């Protein structure tokens, strides 16, 4: 059974909380020279939803794996709360890398990164700028650009409507300090970030947990919609594994990202819908096995 340490580290002015998973052979002191992996989950998520799951699976396979809450999420400090800010999330990944590379359990230069869904965008953006990440594994990756956003958010008109709502929410925040929220997931609220019922997020036995408040800061839309993950791909030179399914979210984005990579890449297709990769068998085990094998080859 992997060991789990509750850890804290700083990102900018915010204190972040994380879980460091170590193989049971590492011992309580964490001594040794293990390959390390920083893990990030989907947009709006907290570490207990899917990042912990993958970090624990990697620890079972011999890695020191760190999951954490981004600034303003879960147990981490920072305001506004539950604000999806890609640039800040990339900065937080840098702080997580600083922490993990400095941990006595982790071998020098042996650092990989794993991103689930939108975590793939943020991990890729960080790896494009920081050579300390020597290998990437992207699981059911959500990798969008303007075209994909238009296809998923109601075309140019839908995007502009979200940006207009965001601008009004930003003015309200600057004038009053109040944050306007909509649900992340709701089949009854057309303004929800994902306006349909998703069992993973609504089921308390899966991702509908107390640590996750199911809210999206409306003023975050521009940062999300304008983030171009496909444009990042040519800057990524570390080896990349993408594990995806044709029945999961935007497989075309994964193909286009893979084709544009600046370094070696492998696109591994399997079966399952997007949310199966968050907590279901056999998808999690398949992805964790593939990621571990990839890291062993490339770190």
Protein backbone atom coordinates (compact mmCIF):
# COMPACT_ATOMS: atom_id res chain seq x y z
CA UNK A 1 0.00 0.00 0.00
CA UNK A 2 1.56 3.35 -0.96
CA UNK A 3 2.39 5.84 1.76
CA UNK A 4 0.65 9.20 1.66
CA UNK A 5 2.07 12.39 3.15
CA UNK A 6 0.04 15.57 3.50
CA UNK A 7 2.41 18.28 2.27
CA UNK A 8 2.43 22.06 1.89
CA UNK A 9 4.42 24.41 -0.33
CA UNK A 10 4.14 27.97 -1.60
CA UNK A 11 3.19 29.30 -5.02
CA UNK A 12 3.57 33.05 -5.21
CA UNK A 13 1.85 34.35 -2.11
CA UNK A 14 -0.45 31.35 -1.69
CA UNK A 15 0.11 28.22 0.36
CA UNK A 16 -0.77 25.08 -1.56
CA UNK A 17 -1.77 21.73 -0.08
CA UNK A 18 -0.90 18.41 -1.64
CA UNK A 19 -0.57 14.69 -1.17
CA UNK A 20 2.76 13.01 -1.80
CA UNK A 21 2.37 9.31 -2.54
CA UNK A 22 5.42 7.09 -2.09
CA UNK A 23 5.92 3.36 -2.67
CA UNK A 24 5.71 1.50 0.62
CA UNK A 25 9.30 0.37 0.05
CA UNK A 26 10.44 4.00 0.36
CA UNK A 27 9.77 4.03 4.12
CA UNK A 28 8.30 6.83 6.17
CA UNK A 29 11.35 9.04 5.72
CA UNK A 30 11.08 9.03 1.96
CA UNK A 31 14.75 8.24 1.48
CA UNK A 32 16.05 6.87 -1.79
CA UNK A 33 16.19 7.89 -5.42
CA UNK A 34 12.79 7.51 -7.02
CA UNK A 35 11.53 9.02 -10.27
CA UNK A 36 9.03 11.75 -9.46
CA UNK A 37 5.76 12.66 -11.20
CA UNK A 38 3.60 15.75 -10.67
CA UNK A 39 -0.10 14.99 -11.30
CA UNK A 40 -2.92 17.39 -12.19
CA UNK A 41 -6.61 16.68 -12.67
CA UNK A 42 -9.40 18.25 -14.71
CA UNK A 43 -10.45 21.89 -14.76
CA UNK A 44 -12.17 23.04 -11.55
CA UNK A 45 -11.17 19.82 -9.78
CA UNK A 46 -9.68 19.18 -6.35
CA UNK A 47 -6.96 16.62 -5.77
CA UNK A 48 -9.30 14.05 -4.21
CA UNK A 49 -11.32 13.65 -7.40
CA UNK A 50 -8.82 12.14 -9.86
CA UNK A 51 -5.28 13.46 -9.25
CA UNK A 52 -4.99 11.48 -6.00
CA UNK A 53 -6.12 8.35 -7.79
CA UNK A 54 -3.43 8.59 -10.46
CA UNK A 55 -0.74 9.63 -7.99
CA UNK A 56 -1.52 6.59 -5.84
CA UNK A 57 -1.50 4.31 -8.87
CA UNK A 58 1.91 5.65 -9.90
CA UNK A 59 3.24 5.12 -6.38
CA UNK A 60 2.12 1.49 -6.63
CA UNK A 61 4.30 1.30 -9.72
CA UNK A 62 7.40 2.71 -8.03
CA UNK A 63 7.13 6.49 -8.42
CA UNK A 64 7.05 9.39 -5.98
CA UNK A 65 3.87 11.13 -7.17
CA UNK A 66 2.52 14.50 -6.05
CA UNK A 67 -1.09 15.62 -6.38
CA UNK A 68 -2.15 19.04 -5.13
CA UNK A 69 -4.88 21.66 -5.04
CA UNK A 70 -4.30 24.68 -7.25
CA UNK A 71 -4.46 28.20 -5.87
CA UNK A 72 -8.02 28.96 -4.76
CA UNK A 73 -9.13 25.32 -4.84
CA UNK A 74 -9.70 22.71 -2.16
CA UNK A 75 -7.34 22.96 0.79
CA UNK A 76 -5.05 25.50 -0.89
CA UNK A 77 -5.14 29.19 -0.06
CA UNK A 78 -5.81 31.99 -2.50
CA UNK A 79 -8.65 34.18 -3.72
CA UNK A 80 -10.86 34.38 -5.65
CA UNK A 81 -11.95 30.82 -4.94
CA UNK A 82 -12.69 28.30 -7.68
CA UNK A 83 -11.36 30.58 -10.40
CA UNK A 84 -10.08 28.76 -13.49
CA UNK A 85 -7.01 30.77 -14.42
CA UNK A 86 -4.69 28.84 -16.80
CA UNK A 87 -1.64 31.05 -16.33
CA UNK A 88 -1.89 30.75 -12.56
CA UNK A 89 -2.31 27.00 -12.78
CA UNK A 90 0.85 26.77 -14.88
CA UNK A 91 2.66 28.80 -12.22
CA UNK A 92 1.37 26.46 -9.53
CA UNK A 93 2.74 23.49 -11.44
CA UNK A 94 6.12 25.19 -11.28
CA UNK A 95 5.83 25.40 -7.50
CA UNK A 96 4.86 21.72 -7.35
CA UNK A 97 7.90 20.86 -9.48
CA UNK A 98 10.11 22.91 -7.16
CA UNK A 99 8.77 20.98 -4.19
CA UNK A 100 9.04 17.53 -5.73
CA UNK A 101 12.52 17.98 -7.19
CA UNK A 102 13.70 19.13 -3.77
CA UNK A 103 12.25 16.14 -1.94
CA UNK A 104 14.83 13.59 -0.68
CA UNK A 105 12.87 10.69 -2.19
CA UNK A 106 13.27 11.96 -5.75
CA UNK A 107 16.29 11.26 -7.90
CA UNK A 108 18.10 14.14 -9.57
CA UNK A 109 16.67 14.92 -12.99
CA UNK A 110 14.03 12.19 -12.88
CA UNK A 111 10.84 14.19 -13.20
CA UNK A 112 7.73 13.50 -15.22
CA UNK A 113 4.26 15.03 -15.33
CA UNK A 114 0.81 13.55 -15.80
CA UNK A 115 -2.27 15.56 -16.69
CA UNK A 116 -5.86 14.31 -16.82
CA UNK A 117 -8.33 16.10 -19.11
CA UNK A 118 -7.61 19.86 -18.90
CA UNK A 119 -4.65 19.13 -16.65
CA UNK A 120 -3.02 18.00 -19.90
CA UNK A 121 -3.17 21.57 -21.22
CA UNK A 122 -1.55 23.03 -18.13
CA UNK A 123 1.13 20.36 -17.84
CA UNK A 124 2.01 20.75 -21.51
CA UNK A 125 2.24 24.53 -21.22
CA UNK A 126 4.60 24.18 -18.28
CA UNK A 127 6.73 21.49 -19.95
CA UNK A 128 7.05 23.69 -23.03
CA UNK A 129 8.87 26.27 -20.92
CA UNK A 130 10.69 24.22 -18.28
CA UNK A 131 13.13 21.45 -19.25
CA UNK A 132 12.95 19.91 -15.77
CA UNK A 133 9.89 18.01 -16.97
CA UNK A 134 11.58 15.28 -18.96
CA UNK A 135 8.49 13.25 -19.86
CA UNK A 136 4.73 13.82 -20.17
CA UNK A 137 1.73 11.50 -19.94
CA UNK A 138 -1.65 12.96 -20.90
CA UNK A 139 -4.74 10.94 -19.98
CA UNK A 140 -8.05 11.58 -21.77
CA UNK A 141 -6.57 14.98 -22.62
CA UNK A 142 -8.71 18.01 -23.28
CA UNK A 143 -6.52 19.99 -25.69
CA UNK A 144 -8.39 22.83 -27.31
CA UNK A 145 -7.82 25.78 -29.60
CA UNK A 146 -10.18 28.42 -30.96
CA UNK A 147 -11.79 26.08 -33.49
CA UNK A 148 -12.47 23.39 -30.90
CA UNK A 149 -13.87 25.97 -28.47
CA UNK A 150 -16.24 27.22 -31.15
CA UNK A 151 -17.38 23.65 -31.80
CA UNK A 152 -18.06 23.06 -28.10
CA UNK A 153 -19.34 26.44 -26.89
CA UNK A 154 -21.91 27.52 -29.45
CA UNK A 155 -19.74 28.98 -32.19
CA UNK A 156 -18.34 32.52 -32.26
CA UNK A 157 -21.63 33.87 -30.88
CA UNK A 158 -21.57 31.50 -27.93
CA UNK A 159 -17.99 32.42 -27.09
CA UNK A 160 -18.71 36.13 -27.28
CA UNK A 161 -21.77 35.70 -25.03
CA UNK A 162 -19.62 33.96 -22.41
CA UNK A 163 -16.99 36.67 -22.65
CA UNK A 164 -19.64 39.36 -22.23
CA UNK A 165 -20.95 37.62 -19.11
CA UNK A 166 -17.36 37.35 -17.88
CA UNK A 167 -16.75 41.06 -18.42
CA UNK A 168 -19.81 41.92 -16.35
CA UNK A 169 -18.71 39.51 -13.63
CA UNK A 170 -15.23 41.04 -13.66
CA UNK A 171 -16.66 44.54 -13.19
CA UNK A 172 -18.78 43.30 -10.30
CA UNK A 173 -15.75 41.70 -8.67
CA UNK A 174 -13.60 44.80 -9.06
CA UNK A 175 -16.34 47.06 -7.71
CA UNK A 176 -17.64 44.92 -4.86
CA UNK A 177 -15.26 42.01 -4.33
CA UNK A 178 -18.14 39.59 -5.00
CA UNK A 179 -17.52 36.65 -7.30
CA UNK A 180 -20.34 35.59 -9.63
CA UNK A 181 -20.54 31.80 -9.89
CA UNK A 182 -22.47 29.32 -11.99
CA UNK A 183 -22.44 25.54 -11.49
CA UNK A 184 -19.67 23.62 -13.15
CA UNK A 185 -22.14 20.82 -13.90
CA UNK A 186 -25.93 21.11 -14.08
CA UNK A 187 -28.50 19.67 -16.42
CA UNK A 188 -31.02 22.30 -15.38
CA UNK A 189 -28.93 25.50 -15.61
CA UNK A 190 -28.09 26.53 -19.19
CA UNK A 191 -25.40 28.89 -17.87
CA UNK A 192 -23.45 26.08 -16.20
CA UNK A 193 -19.92 25.56 -17.43
CA UNK A 194 -21.01 22.04 -18.46
CA UNK A 195 -24.79 22.34 -18.87
CA UNK A 196 -25.73 18.67 -18.62
CA UNK A 197 -25.88 16.05 -15.91
CA UNK A 198 -22.61 14.14 -15.46
CA UNK A 199 -22.72 11.26 -13.02
CA UNK A 200 -19.05 11.54 -12.06
CA UNK A 201 -19.49 15.08 -10.76
CA UNK A 202 -22.94 14.66 -9.24
CA UNK A 203 -22.49 11.24 -7.63
CA UNK A 204 -21.03 11.49 -4.09
CA UNK A 205 -19.61 8.00 -4.53
CA UNK A 206 -17.50 9.28 -7.42
CA UNK A 207 -16.49 12.93 -7.88
CA UNK A 208 -19.41 14.72 -6.21
CA UNK A 209 -17.47 15.01 -2.97
CA UNK A 210 -17.70 17.57 -0.18
CA UNK A 211 -14.31 19.11 -1.05
CA UNK A 212 -15.62 20.16 -4.48
CA UNK A 213 -18.27 22.94 -4.41
CA UNK A 214 -19.42 22.60 -8.05
CA UNK A 215 -18.99 26.25 -8.92
CA UNK A 216 -17.29 28.12 -11.74
CA UNK A 217 -16.30 31.78 -11.53
CA UNK A 218 -17.98 33.44 -14.53
CA UNK A 219 -15.15 35.93 -14.97
CA UNK A 220 -12.81 33.01 -15.76
CA UNK A 221 -14.28 32.34 -19.22
CA UNK A 222 -11.85 34.45 -21.31
CA UNK A 223 -8.74 32.80 -19.86
CA UNK A 224 -10.17 29.35 -20.54
CA UNK A 225 -11.56 30.06 -24.00
CA UNK A 226 -8.46 31.89 -25.25
CA UNK A 227 -5.99 29.24 -24.08
CA UNK A 228 -4.56 27.52 -27.17
CA UNK A 229 -3.11 24.15 -26.23
CA UNK A 230 -2.54 23.06 -29.82
CA UNK A 231 -0.24 26.06 -30.34
CA UNK A 232 1.82 24.89 -27.36
CA UNK A 233 2.58 21.50 -28.92
CA UNK A 234 5.53 22.56 -31.16
CA UNK A 235 7.30 23.88 -28.06
CA UNK A 236 7.00 20.55 -26.23
CA UNK A 237 10.18 18.57 -26.88
CA UNK A 238 9.98 16.08 -24.00
CA UNK A 239 8.56 12.64 -24.94
CA UNK A 240 4.76 12.64 -24.73
CA UNK A 241 2.28 9.79 -24.31
CA UNK A 242 -1.38 10.52 -24.97
CA UNK A 243 -3.93 7.92 -23.77
CA UNK A 244 -7.34 8.57 -25.27
CA UNK A 245 -10.52 7.12 -26.69
CA UNK A 246 -12.66 8.04 -29.68
CA UNK A 247 -15.61 8.10 -27.26
CA UNK A 248 -13.90 10.52 -24.86
CA UNK A 249 -13.72 14.31 -25.13
CA UNK A 250 -12.43 16.01 -28.29
CA UNK A 251 -10.21 13.25 -29.73
CA UNK A 252 -9.50 15.58 -32.65
CA UNK A 253 -7.66 17.90 -30.28
CA UNK A 254 -5.44 15.03 -29.14
CA UNK A 255 -4.65 14.11 -32.73
CA UNK A 256 -3.81 17.65 -33.72
CA UNK A 257 -1.70 18.19 -30.60
CA UNK A 258 0.18 14.95 -31.24
CA UNK A 259 0.83 15.82 -34.88
CA UNK A 260 2.21 19.24 -33.91
CA UNK A 261 4.57 18.05 -31.14
CA UNK A 262 8.12 19.34 -31.24
CA UNK A 263 9.47 16.06 -29.86
CA UNK A 264 8.58 12.37 -29.83
CA UNK A 265 4.98 11.44 -29.17
CA UNK A 266 2.80 8.36 -28.95
CA UNK A 267 -0.99 8.39 -29.22
CA UNK A 268 -2.42 5.28 -27.55
CA UNK A 269 -6.08 4.59 -28.23
CA UNK A 270 -8.31 2.55 -25.95
CA UNK A 271 -12.02 2.43 -25.07
CA UNK A 272 -14.21 4.38 -22.65
CA UNK A 273 -16.02 7.67 -22.26
CA UNK A 274 -14.24 10.67 -20.78
CA UNK A 275 -15.35 10.17 -17.20
CA UNK A 276 -14.31 6.51 -17.15
CA UNK A 277 -10.71 7.71 -17.14
CA UNK A 278 -11.27 9.59 -13.88
CA UNK A 279 -12.15 6.67 -11.61
CA UNK A 280 -13.28 3.54 -13.48
CA UNK A 281 -11.74 0.17 -14.22
CA UNK A 282 -10.25 -0.82 -16.57
CA UNK A 283 -9.51 2.69 -17.89
CA UNK A 284 -7.57 4.02 -14.87
CA UNK A 285 -5.45 0.90 -14.59
CA UNK A 286 -4.77 0.86 -18.33
CA UNK A 287 -3.74 4.52 -18.35
CA UNK A 288 -1.61 4.18 -15.21
CA UNK A 289 0.18 1.13 -16.64
CA UNK A 290 0.85 2.93 -19.90
CA UNK A 291 2.05 6.07 -18.13
CA UNK A 292 4.37 4.10 -15.85
CA UNK A 293 5.87 2.23 -18.79
CA UNK A 294 6.33 5.52 -20.64
CA UNK A 295 8.08 7.13 -17.67
CA UNK A 296 10.36 4.12 -17.18
CA UNK A 297 11.43 4.38 -20.83
CA UNK A 298 11.90 8.13 -20.93
CA UNK A 299 13.05 9.38 -17.51
